């Protein structure tokens, strides 16, 4: 994860402080140290986002066919680990035409997107052949949930839409170093203060083309929607009026949205007053230390 995150930070250019901040979220480090595919999936997600930022912000970068193939190939690999993030391949359509040397650029991009989606369907069908006992929540069943939505769409579609609107409310889980039910209320103020300071310091620092801003916003919204739908179908009891989803699923969306948000505003902070890279790293280490100490104290109190 550290190697992949470092590559993503290098690729992010002027957004490297934001990528560093996201890569060092306590929840990211917890997942990277867990016995699952998240360490590779998260790192790969950040590399794909870093590539997109590199393509659209580097004035000297000319996007060639091999760059498109690399981007699509990474998305194919990501499909095998985090299926909802396959929608990142859609960002290819929002790279300004003047940044490329490819003839029929949009046609090539569209072909690559279709190819990635076809692989996604193949991978989903293939993985459905694997039966893992005790891997789903009691009462959850994809087929029954789909029938339930189709039979009463006016009941259940608003449930998914509500989760999309309330997805921001799950972001407090990103600062948890440990199990998601441990409270971080005692250390949230310094955490929010440092993250807000870093974000504000990067306002206007990165300039995204308008078409890329629109594209990143649409793709982010689509990913949130697909995550909500996927979790409702696979991990929520049939007929439930609340989607059971955790904030960690939105880590990739945060990495994509932060540069977009910072690019929407004009630069207000003079360059000499901006935070240094060293400060960003040290602040992230302080936040990790605070959350780790809070986790230990909560567990000690429980014992």
C-alpha atoms as a PDB file:
ATOM      1  CA  UNK A   1       0.000   0.000   0.000  1.00  0.00           C
ATOM      2  CA  UNK A   2       2.816   2.408   0.850  1.00  0.00           C
ATOM      3  CA  UNK A   3       4.471   1.834  -2.529  1.00  0.00           C
ATOM      4  CA  UNK A   4       1.216   2.282  -4.442  1.00  0.00           C
ATOM      5  CA  UNK A   5       0.290   5.377  -2.423  1.00  0.00           C
ATOM      6  CA  UNK A   6       3.736   6.892  -3.085  1.00  0.00           C
ATOM      7  CA  UNK A   7       3.273   6.365  -6.833  1.00  0.00           C
ATOM      8  CA  UNK A   8      -0.177   7.981  -6.640  1.00  0.00           C
ATOM      9  CA  UNK A   9       1.239  10.995  -4.774  1.00  0.00           C
ATOM     10  CA  UNK A  10       4.009  11.425  -7.362  1.00  0.00           C
ATOM     11  CA  UNK A  11       1.463  11.291 -10.189  1.00  0.00           C
ATOM     12  CA  UNK A  12      -0.885  13.815  -8.554  1.00  0.00           C
ATOM     13  CA  UNK A  13       1.343  16.826  -9.247  1.00  0.00           C
ATOM     14  CA  UNK A  14       0.005  19.950  -7.550  1.00  0.00           C
ATOM     15  CA  UNK A  15      -2.627  17.827  -5.796  1.00  0.00           C
ATOM     16  CA  UNK A  16       0.039  15.760  -4.030  1.00  0.00           C
ATOM     17  CA  UNK A  17      -0.689  17.275  -0.603  1.00  0.00           C
ATOM     18  CA  UNK A  18      -4.350  16.313  -0.902  1.00  0.00           C
ATOM     19  CA  UNK A  19      -3.419  12.817  -2.059  1.00  0.00           C
ATOM     20  CA  UNK A  20      -0.945  12.489   0.822  1.00  0.00           C
ATOM     21  CA  UNK A  21      -3.621  13.528   3.293  1.00  0.00           C
ATOM     22  CA  UNK A  22      -6.113  10.990   1.919  1.00  0.00           C
ATOM     23  CA  UNK A  23      -3.541   8.196   1.670  1.00  0.00           C
ATOM     24  CA  UNK A  24      -2.707   8.680   5.364  1.00  0.00           C
ATOM     25  CA  UNK A  25      -6.306   8.626   6.600  1.00  0.00           C
ATOM     26  CA  UNK A  26      -6.334   6.371   9.688  1.00  0.00           C
ATOM     27  CA  UNK A  27      -8.980   4.124   8.119  1.00  0.00           C
ATOM     28  CA  UNK A  28      -6.796   3.707   5.028  1.00  0.00           C
ATOM     29  CA  UNK A  29      -3.925   2.494   7.186  1.00  0.00           C
ATOM     30  CA  UNK A  30      -6.205   0.113   9.087  1.00  0.00           C
ATOM     31  CA  UNK A  31      -7.493  -1.386   5.853  1.00  0.00           C
ATOM     32  CA  UNK A  32      -3.986  -1.571   4.381  1.00  0.00           C
ATOM     33  CA  UNK A  33      -2.894  -3.621   7.388  1.00  0.00           C
ATOM     34  CA  UNK A  34      -5.916  -5.936   7.211  1.00  0.00           C
ATOM     35  CA  UNK A  35      -5.929  -9.436   5.766  1.00  0.00           C
ATOM     36  CA  UNK A  36      -7.832  -8.636   2.576  1.00  0.00           C
ATOM     37  CA  UNK A  37      -7.430  -7.028  -0.847  1.00  0.00           C
ATOM     38  CA  UNK A  38      -8.061  -3.463   0.361  1.00  0.00           C
ATOM     39  CA  UNK A  39      -4.393  -2.515   0.534  1.00  0.00           C
ATOM     40  CA  UNK A  40      -3.942  -3.142  -3.189  1.00  0.00           C
ATOM     41  CA  UNK A  41      -7.428  -1.914  -4.162  1.00  0.00           C
ATOM     42  CA  UNK A  42      -7.050   1.413  -2.361  1.00  0.00           C
ATOM     43  CA  UNK A  43      -3.540   2.009  -3.643  1.00  0.00           C
ATOM     44  CA  UNK A  44      -4.599   1.166  -7.186  1.00  0.00           C
ATOM     45  CA  UNK A  45      -7.634   3.473  -6.930  1.00  0.00           C
ATOM     46  CA  UNK A  46      -5.387   6.371  -5.928  1.00  0.00           C
ATOM     47  CA  UNK A  47      -2.974   5.613  -8.776  1.00  0.00           C
ATOM     48  CA  UNK A  48      -5.828   5.722 -11.311  1.00  0.00           C
ATOM     49  CA  UNK A  49      -7.029   9.045  -9.888  1.00  0.00           C
ATOM     50  CA  UNK A  50      -3.440  10.309  -9.863  1.00  0.00           C
ATOM     51  CA  UNK A  51      -3.079   9.340 -13.529  1.00  0.00           C
ATOM     52  CA  UNK A  52      -6.226  11.266 -14.418  1.00  0.00           C
ATOM     53  CA  UNK A  53      -4.967  14.336 -12.554  1.00  0.00           C
ATOM     54  CA  UNK A  54      -1.619  13.986 -14.320  1.00  0.00           C
ATOM     55  CA  UNK A  55      -3.298  13.759 -17.737  1.00  0.00           C
ATOM     56  CA  UNK A  56      -5.452  16.872 -17.283  1.00  0.00           C
ATOM     57  CA  UNK A  57      -3.188  19.189 -15.242  1.00  0.00           C
ATOM     58  CA  UNK A  58       0.343  18.607 -16.522  1.00  0.00           C
ATOM     59  CA  UNK A  59       0.862  21.248 -19.226  1.00  0.00           C
ATOM     60  CA  UNK A  60       3.710  19.264 -20.759  1.00  0.00           C
ATOM     61  CA  UNK A  61       1.863  15.952 -20.758  1.00  0.00           C
ATOM     62  CA  UNK A  62       0.471  14.733 -24.071  1.00  0.00           C
ATOM     63  CA  UNK A  63      -1.961  11.849 -23.694  1.00  0.00           C
ATOM     64  CA  UNK A  64      -1.155   9.071 -26.159  1.00  0.00           C
ATOM     65  CA  UNK A  65      -2.838   5.766 -26.943  1.00  0.00           C
ATOM     66  CA  UNK A  66      -0.460   3.913 -24.636  1.00  0.00           C
ATOM     67  CA  UNK A  67      -1.581   6.186 -21.784  1.00  0.00           C
ATOM     68  CA  UNK A  68      -5.214   5.310 -22.466  1.00  0.00           C
ATOM     69  CA  UNK A  69      -4.369   1.609 -22.596  1.00  0.00           C
ATOM     70  CA  UNK A  70      -2.495   1.843 -19.286  1.00  0.00           C
ATOM     71  CA  UNK A  71      -5.414   3.626 -17.645  1.00  0.00           C
ATOM     72  CA  UNK A  72      -7.945   1.083 -18.937  1.00  0.00           C
ATOM     73  CA  UNK A  73      -5.704  -1.832 -17.903  1.00  0.00           C
ATOM     74  CA  UNK A  74      -5.461  -0.520 -14.335  1.00  0.00           C
ATOM     75  CA  UNK A  75      -9.261  -0.174 -14.244  1.00  0.00           C
ATOM     76  CA  UNK A  76      -9.571  -3.813 -15.348  1.00  0.00           C
ATOM     77  CA  UNK A  77      -7.335  -4.903 -12.470  1.00  0.00           C
ATOM     78  CA  UNK A  78      -9.353  -2.763 -10.050  1.00  0.00           C
ATOM     79  CA  UNK A  79     -12.584  -4.467 -11.162  1.00  0.00           C
ATOM     80  CA  UNK A  80     -11.357  -7.712  -9.620  1.00  0.00           C
ATOM     81  CA  UNK A  81     -11.148  -6.036  -6.206  1.00  0.00           C
ATOM     82  CA  UNK A  82     -13.552  -3.054  -5.999  1.00  0.00           C
ATOM     83  CA  UNK A  83     -16.262  -3.425  -8.617  1.00  0.00           C
ATOM     84  CA  UNK A  84     -18.102  -0.068  -8.086  1.00  0.00           C
ATOM     85  CA  UNK A  85     -14.908   1.828  -8.898  1.00  0.00           C
ATOM     86  CA  UNK A  86     -14.977   0.486 -12.446  1.00  0.00           C
ATOM     87  CA  UNK A  87     -16.775   3.772 -13.180  1.00  0.00           C
ATOM     88  CA  UNK A  88     -13.411   5.556 -12.895  1.00  0.00           C
ATOM     89  CA  UNK A  89     -12.820   4.437 -16.479  1.00  0.00           C
ATOM     90  CA  UNK A  90     -15.490   6.963 -17.471  1.00  0.00           C
ATOM     91  CA  UNK A  91     -13.044   9.773 -16.703  1.00  0.00           C
ATOM     92  CA  UNK A  92     -11.403   9.052 -20.057  1.00  0.00           C
ATOM     93  CA  UNK A  93     -14.269  10.892 -21.739  1.00  0.00           C
ATOM     94  CA  UNK A  94     -13.493  14.055 -19.783  1.00  0.00           C
ATOM     95  CA  UNK A  95      -9.878  14.596 -20.770  1.00  0.00           C
ATOM     96  CA  UNK A  96      -9.722  17.729 -22.987  1.00  0.00           C
ATOM     97  CA  UNK A  97      -9.229  16.862 -26.649  1.00  0.00           C
ATOM     98  CA  UNK A  98      -6.356  19.349 -26.944  1.00  0.00           C
ATOM     99  CA  UNK A  99      -4.366  17.273 -24.413  1.00  0.00           C
ATOM    100  CA  UNK A 100      -4.214  14.314 -26.772  1.00  0.00           C
ATOM    101  CA  UNK A 101      -2.482  13.339 -29.982  1.00  0.00           C
ATOM    102  CA  UNK A 102      -4.858  10.489 -30.702  1.00  0.00           C
ATOM    103  CA  UNK A 103      -6.973  10.542 -33.826  1.00  0.00           C
ATOM    104  CA  UNK A 104     -10.579   9.633 -33.006  1.00  0.00           C
ATOM    105  CA  UNK A 105      -9.720  10.042 -29.330  1.00  0.00           C
ATOM    106  CA  UNK A 106     -13.287   9.830 -28.040  1.00  0.00           C
ATOM    107  CA  UNK A 107     -14.026   6.775 -30.169  1.00  0.00           C
ATOM    108  CA  UNK A 108     -10.966   5.006 -28.771  1.00  0.00           C
ATOM    109  CA  UNK A 109     -11.939   6.002 -25.231  1.00  0.00           C
ATOM    110  CA  UNK A 110     -15.463   4.731 -25.754  1.00  0.00           C
ATOM    111  CA  UNK A 111     -14.175   1.391 -27.071  1.00  0.00           C
ATOM    112  CA  UNK A 112     -11.920   1.025 -24.017  1.00  0.00           C
ATOM    113  CA  UNK A 113     -14.788   1.887 -21.663  1.00  0.00           C
ATOM    114  CA  UNK A 114     -17.043  -0.704 -23.305  1.00  0.00           C
ATOM    115  CA  UNK A 115     -14.244  -3.301 -23.094  1.00  0.00           C
ATOM    116  CA  UNK A 116     -13.757  -2.620 -19.371  1.00  0.00           C
ATOM    117  CA  UNK A 117     -17.500  -2.909 -18.733  1.00  0.00           C
ATOM    118  CA  UNK A 118     -17.675  -6.187 -20.661  1.00  0.00           C
ATOM    119  CA  UNK A 119     -14.868  -7.549 -18.500  1.00  0.00           C
ATOM    120  CA  UNK A 120     -16.758  -6.325 -15.437  1.00  0.00           C
ATOM    121  CA  UNK A 121     -19.817  -8.344 -16.451  1.00  0.00           C
ATOM    122  CA  UNK A 122     -17.631 -11.396 -17.116  1.00  0.00           C
ATOM    123  CA  UNK A 123     -15.905 -11.039 -13.747  1.00  0.00           C
ATOM    124  CA  UNK A 124     -19.197 -10.612 -11.883  1.00  0.00           C
ATOM    125  CA  UNK A 125     -20.702 -13.739 -13.504  1.00  0.00           C
ATOM    126  CA  UNK A 126     -17.498 -15.667 -12.782  1.00  0.00           C
ATOM    127  CA  UNK A 127     -17.381 -14.699  -9.112  1.00  0.00           C
ATOM    128  CA  UNK A 128     -21.028 -15.659  -8.643  1.00  0.00           C
ATOM    129  CA  UNK A 129     -19.945 -19.260  -9.179  1.00  0.00           C
ATOM    130  CA  UNK A 130     -18.035 -19.093  -5.901  1.00  0.00           C
ATOM    131  CA  UNK A 131     -20.101 -19.905  -2.839  1.00  0.00           C
ATOM    132  CA  UNK A 132     -18.706 -18.731   0.480  1.00  0.00           C
ATOM    133  CA  UNK A 133     -20.664 -19.745   3.557  1.00  0.00           C
ATOM    134  CA  UNK A 134     -21.462 -17.137   6.218  1.00  0.00           C
ATOM    135  CA  UNK A 135     -20.327 -14.334   3.906  1.00  0.00           C
ATOM    136  CA  UNK A 136     -23.596 -12.428   3.788  1.00  0.00           C
ATOM    137  CA  UNK A 137     -25.829 -10.801   6.342  1.00  0.00           C
ATOM    138  CA  UNK A 138     -28.874 -12.745   7.519  1.00  0.00           C
ATOM    139  CA  UNK A 139     -31.906 -11.750   5.484  1.00  0.00           C
ATOM    140  CA  UNK A 140     -29.886 -10.408   2.532  1.00  0.00           C
ATOM    141  CA  UNK A 141     -30.606 -11.895  -0.868  1.00  0.00           C
ATOM    142  CA  UNK A 142     -29.846 -10.233  -4.197  1.00  0.00           C
ATOM    143  CA  UNK A 143     -32.661 -11.867  -6.172  1.00  0.00           C
ATOM    144  CA  UNK A 144     -35.326 -11.147  -3.566  1.00  0.00           C
ATOM    145  CA  UNK A 145     -34.083  -7.581  -3.127  1.00  0.00           C
ATOM    146  CA  UNK A 146     -34.278  -6.919  -6.874  1.00  0.00           C
ATOM    147  CA  UNK A 147     -37.830  -8.298  -6.992  1.00  0.00           C
ATOM    148  CA  UNK A 148     -38.706  -6.117  -4.018  1.00  0.00           C
ATOM    149  CA  UNK A 149     -37.383  -2.965  -5.748  1.00  0.00           C
ATOM    150  CA  UNK A 150     -39.125  -3.756  -9.040  1.00  0.00           C
ATOM    151  CA  UNK A 151     -42.441  -4.489  -7.351  1.00  0.00           C
ATOM    152  CA  UNK A 152     -42.433  -1.324  -5.233  1.00  0.00           C
ATOM    153  CA  UNK A 153     -39.984   1.162  -6.786  1.00  0.00           C
ATOM    154  CA  UNK A 154     -41.730   4.132  -5.120  1.00  0.00           C
ATOM    155  CA  UNK A 155     -40.774   2.618  -1.767  1.00  0.00           C
ATOM    156  CA  UNK A 156     -37.236   1.400  -2.277  1.00  0.00           C
ATOM    157  CA  UNK A 157     -35.632   3.690  -4.886  1.00  0.00           C
ATOM    158  CA  UNK A 158     -35.949   6.667  -2.478  1.00  0.00           C
ATOM    159  CA  UNK A 159     -34.049   4.556   0.083  1.00  0.00           C
ATOM    160  CA  UNK A 160     -31.073   4.336  -2.280  1.00  0.00           C
ATOM    161  CA  UNK A 161     -31.329   8.018  -3.203  1.00  0.00           C
ATOM    162  CA  UNK A 162     -31.411   8.942   0.483  1.00  0.00           C
ATOM    163  CA  UNK A 163     -28.215   6.990   1.076  1.00  0.00           C
ATOM    164  CA  UNK A 164     -26.552   8.855  -1.790  1.00  0.00           C
ATOM    165  CA  UNK A 165     -27.502  12.186  -0.214  1.00  0.00           C
ATOM    166  CA  UNK A 166     -26.444  11.082   3.272  1.00  0.00           C
ATOM    167  CA  UNK A 167     -23.174   9.463   2.192  1.00  0.00           C
ATOM    168  CA  UNK A 168     -21.273  12.448   3.577  1.00  0.00           C
ATOM    169  CA  UNK A 169     -22.513  11.541   7.070  1.00  0.00           C
ATOM    170  CA  UNK A 170     -20.383   8.371   6.965  1.00  0.00           C
ATOM    171  CA  UNK A 171     -17.124  10.254   6.438  1.00  0.00           C
ATOM    172  CA  UNK A 172     -16.453  10.526  10.176  1.00  0.00           C
ATOM    173  CA  UNK A 173     -15.597   6.814  10.022  1.00  0.00           C
ATOM    174  CA  UNK A 174     -12.569   7.627   7.886  1.00  0.00           C
ATOM    175  CA  UNK A 175     -10.759   8.949  10.930  1.00  0.00           C
ATOM    176  CA  UNK A 176     -11.260   5.769  12.964  1.00  0.00           C
ATOM    177  CA  UNK A 177      -8.184   3.722  13.719  1.00  0.00           C
ATOM    178  CA  UNK A 178      -9.765   0.389  14.497  1.00  0.00           C
ATOM    179  CA  UNK A 179     -13.285  -0.986  14.597  1.00  0.00           C
ATOM    180  CA  UNK A 180     -15.994   1.270  13.225  1.00  0.00           C
ATOM    181  CA  UNK A 181     -17.991   1.291  16.474  1.00  0.00           C
ATOM    182  CA  UNK A 182     -15.256   2.963  18.523  1.00  0.00           C
ATOM    183  CA  UNK A 183     -15.958   6.615  19.270  1.00  0.00           C
ATOM    184  CA  UNK A 184     -13.474   9.240  18.123  1.00  0.00           C
ATOM    185  CA  UNK A 185     -15.452  12.193  19.515  1.00  0.00           C
ATOM    186  CA  UNK A 186     -12.656  13.265  21.880  1.00  0.00           C
ATOM    187  CA  UNK A 187     -10.152  13.800  19.066  1.00  0.00           C
ATOM    188  CA  UNK A 188     -12.407  14.912  16.198  1.00  0.00           C
ATOM    189  CA  UNK A 189     -11.792  18.642  16.740  1.00  0.00           C
ATOM    190  CA  UNK A 190      -8.010  18.554  16.119  1.00  0.00           C
ATOM    191  CA  UNK A 191      -8.546  16.054  13.282  1.00  0.00           C
ATOM    192  CA  UNK A 192     -11.071  18.265  11.493  1.00  0.00           C
ATOM    193  CA  UNK A 193      -8.956  21.348  12.188  1.00  0.00           C
ATOM    194  CA  UNK A 194      -5.817  19.897  10.581  1.00  0.00           C
ATOM    195  CA  UNK A 195      -7.610  18.390   7.592  1.00  0.00           C
ATOM    196  CA  UNK A 196      -9.519  21.631   7.009  1.00  0.00           C
ATOM    197  CA  UNK A 197      -6.298  23.628   7.224  1.00  0.00           C
ATOM    198  CA  UNK A 198      -4.598  21.395   4.642  1.00  0.00           C
ATOM    199  CA  UNK A 199      -7.600  21.545   2.309  1.00  0.00           C
ATOM    200  CA  UNK A 200      -7.916  25.330   2.495  1.00  0.00           C
ATOM    201  CA  UNK A 201      -4.187  25.689   1.858  1.00  0.00           C
ATOM    202  CA  UNK A 202      -4.659  23.872  -1.449  1.00  0.00           C
ATOM    203  CA  UNK A 203      -7.580  25.962  -2.713  1.00  0.00           C
ATOM    204  CA  UNK A 204      -6.736  27.322  -6.152  1.00  0.00           C
ATOM    205  CA  UNK A 205      -3.451  25.442  -6.212  1.00  0.00           C
ATOM    206  CA  UNK A 206      -4.641  22.944  -8.795  1.00  0.00           C
ATOM    207  CA  UNK A 207      -6.421  23.997 -11.983  1.00  0.00           C
ATOM    208  CA  UNK A 208      -8.710  21.431 -13.597  1.00  0.00           C
ATOM    209  CA  UNK A 209     -10.310  22.026 -17.007  1.00  0.00           C
ATOM    210  CA  UNK A 210     -14.047  22.659 -16.764  1.00  0.00           C
ATOM    211  CA  UNK A 211     -14.865  19.491 -18.663  1.00  0.00           C
ATOM    212  CA  UNK A 212     -12.738  17.496 -16.218  1.00  0.00           C
ATOM    213  CA  UNK A 213     -14.456  19.106 -13.223  1.00  0.00           C
ATOM    214  CA  UNK A 214     -17.853  18.176 -14.640  1.00  0.00           C
ATOM    215  CA  UNK A 215     -16.677  14.663 -15.477  1.00  0.00           C
ATOM    216  CA  UNK A 216     -15.094  14.007 -12.083  1.00  0.00           C
ATOM    217  CA  UNK A 217     -18.257  15.259 -10.365  1.00  0.00           C
ATOM    218  CA  UNK A 218     -20.512  13.015 -12.457  1.00  0.00           C
ATOM    219  CA  UNK A 219     -18.266   9.975 -12.006  1.00  0.00           C
ATOM    220  CA  UNK A 220     -18.078  10.564  -8.236  1.00  0.00           C
ATOM    221  CA  UNK A 221     -21.862  10.778  -8.014  1.00  0.00           C
ATOM    222  CA  UNK A 222     -22.218   7.628 -10.116  1.00  0.00           C
ATOM    223  CA  UNK A 223     -19.769   5.727  -7.897  1.00  0.00           C
ATOM    224  CA  UNK A 224     -21.678   6.771  -4.767  1.00  0.00           C
ATOM    225  CA  UNK A 225     -24.901   5.618  -6.413  1.00  0.00           C
ATOM    226  CA  UNK A 226     -23.419   2.278  -7.471  1.00  0.00           C
ATOM    227  CA  UNK A 227     -21.976   1.701  -3.993  1.00  0.00           C
ATOM    228  CA  UNK A 228     -25.379   2.433  -2.437  1.00  0.00           C
ATOM    229  CA  UNK A 229     -27.152   0.106  -4.869  1.00  0.00           C
ATOM    230  CA  UNK A 230     -24.569  -2.667  -4.500  1.00  0.00           C
ATOM    231  CA  UNK A 231     -24.686  -2.589  -0.701  1.00  0.00           C
ATOM    232  CA  UNK A 232     -28.487  -2.507  -0.732  1.00  0.00           C
ATOM    233  CA  UNK A 233     -28.645  -5.563  -2.973  1.00  0.00           C
ATOM    234  CA  UNK A 234     -25.891  -7.648  -1.388  1.00  0.00           C
ATOM    235  CA  UNK A 235     -25.521  -6.572   2.239  1.00  0.00           C
ATOM    236  CA  UNK A 236     -28.924  -5.248   3.366  1.00  0.00           C
ATOM    237  CA  UNK A 237     -31.862  -7.406   4.536  1.00  0.00           C
ATOM    238  CA  UNK A 238     -34.661  -7.639   1.982  1.00  0.00           C
ATOM    239  CA  UNK A 239     -37.210  -4.854   2.345  1.00  0.00           C
ATOM    240  CA  UNK A 240     -35.073  -2.781   4.703  1.00  0.00           C
ATOM    241  CA  UNK A 241     -35.595   0.984   4.499  1.00  0.00           C
ATOM    242  CA  UNK A 242     -31.953   1.781   5.270  1.00  0.00           C
ATOM    243  CA  UNK A 243     -28.833   0.891   3.302  1.00  0.00           C
ATOM    244  CA  UNK A 244     -26.165  -0.803   5.412  1.00  0.00           C
ATOM    245  CA  UNK A 245     -22.971   0.837   4.173  1.00  0.00           C
ATOM    246  CA  UNK A 246     -19.732   1.948   5.805  1.00  0.00           C
ATOM    247  CA  UNK A 247     -17.796   5.144   5.169  1.00  0.00           C
ATOM    248  CA  UNK A 248     -14.694   3.265   4.049  1.00  0.00           C
ATOM    249  CA  UNK A 249     -16.326   2.497   0.712  1.00  0.00           C
ATOM    250  CA  UNK A 250     -16.152   6.208  -0.150  1.00  0.00           C
ATOM    251  CA  UNK A 251     -12.391   6.600   0.331  1.00  0.00           C
ATOM    252  CA  UNK A 252     -11.765   6.680  -3.416  1.00  0.00           C
ATOM    253  CA  UNK A 253     -14.539   9.222  -3.957  1.00  0.00           C
ATOM    254  CA  UNK A 254     -12.926  11.537  -1.394  1.00  0.00           C
ATOM    255  CA  UNK A 255      -9.590  11.357  -3.223  1.00  0.00           C
ATOM    256  CA  UNK A 256     -11.302  12.333  -6.485  1.00  0.00           C
ATOM    257  CA  UNK A 257     -13.553  15.065  -5.074  1.00  0.00           C
ATOM    258  CA  UNK A 258     -10.992  17.025  -3.035  1.00  0.00           C
ATOM    259  CA  UNK A 259      -8.941  18.252  -6.032  1.00  0.00           C
ATOM    260  CA  UNK A 260     -12.184  19.132  -7.816  1.00  0.00           C
ATOM    261  CA  UNK A 261     -13.434  21.182  -4.867  1.00  0.00           C
ATOM    262  CA  UNK A 262     -10.110  22.986  -4.470  1.00  0.00           C
ATOM    263  CA  UNK A 263     -10.021  23.822  -8.183  1.00  0.00           C
ATOM    264  CA  UNK A 264     -13.427  25.539  -8.063  1.00  0.00           C
ATOM    265  CA  UNK A 265     -12.086  28.524  -6.134  1.00  0.00           C
ATOM    266  CA  UNK A 266      -9.497  31.103  -7.056  1.00  0.00           C
ATOM    267  CA  UNK A 267      -6.225  31.134  -5.208  1.00  0.00           C
ATOM    268  CA  UNK A 268      -6.526  33.241  -2.066  1.00  0.00           C
ATOM    269  CA  UNK A 269      -3.562  32.139   0.028  1.00  0.00           C
ATOM    270  CA  UNK A 270      -0.177  33.546  -1.121  1.00  0.00           C
ATOM    271  CA  UNK A 271       2.342  30.882  -2.101  1.00  0.00           C
ATOM    272  CA  UNK A 272       4.687  31.877   0.717  1.00  0.00           C
ATOM    273  CA  UNK A 273       1.921  31.271   3.263  1.00  0.00           C
ATOM    274  CA  UNK A 274       0.880  27.861   1.969  1.00  0.00           C
ATOM    275  CA  UNK A 275       1.576  24.797   4.060  1.00  0.00           C
ATOM    276  CA  UNK A 276       4.720  22.844   3.292  1.00  0.00           C
ATOM    277  CA  UNK A 277       4.746  19.178   2.303  1.00  0.00           C
ATOM    278  CA  UNK A 278       6.548  18.448   5.547  1.00  0.00           C
ATOM    279  CA  UNK A 279       3.694  19.999   7.545  1.00  0.00           C
ATOM    280  CA  UNK A 280       1.131  17.835   5.724  1.00  0.00           C
ATOM    281  CA  UNK A 281       3.040  14.650   6.508  1.00  0.00           C
ATOM    282  CA  UNK A 282       3.638  15.626  10.128  1.00  0.00           C
ATOM    283  CA  UNK A 283      -0.023  16.597  10.586  1.00  0.00           C
ATOM    284  CA  UNK A 284      -1.139  13.248   9.177  1.00  0.00           C
ATOM    285  CA  UNK A 285       1.197  11.433  11.573  1.00  0.00           C
ATOM    286  CA  UNK A 286      -0.212  13.443  14.479  1.00  0.00           C
ATOM    287  CA  UNK A 287      -3.761  12.483  13.462  1.00  0.00           C
ATOM    288  CA  UNK A 288      -2.834   8.807  13.216  1.00  0.00           C
ATOM    289  CA  UNK A 289      -1.205   9.014  16.662  1.00  0.00           C
ATOM    290  CA  UNK A 290      -4.276  10.695  18.168  1.00  0.00           C
ATOM    291  CA  UNK A 291      -6.673   8.122  16.781  1.00  0.00           C
ATOM    292  CA  UNK A 292      -4.419   5.254  17.812  1.00  0.00           C
ATOM    293  CA  UNK A 293      -4.149   6.580  21.379  1.00  0.00           C
ATOM    294  CA  UNK A 294      -7.912   7.135  21.480  1.00  0.00           C
ATOM    295  CA  UNK A 295      -8.525   3.565  20.332  1.00  0.00           C
ATOM    296  CA  UNK A 296      -6.199   2.200  22.996  1.00  0.00           C
ATOM    297  CA  UNK A 297      -7.823   4.320  25.708  1.00  0.00           C
ATOM    298  CA  UNK A 298     -11.345   3.216  24.697  1.00  0.00           C
ATOM    299  CA  UNK A 299     -10.336  -0.442  24.705  1.00  0.00           C
ATOM    300  CA  UNK A 300      -8.507  -0.054  28.027  1.00  0.00           C
ATOM    301  CA  UNK A 301     -11.569   1.597  29.583  1.00  0.00           C
ATOM    302  CA  UNK A 302     -13.755  -1.235  28.319  1.00  0.00           C
ATOM    303  CA  UNK A 303     -11.482  -3.806  29.973  1.00  0.00           C
END
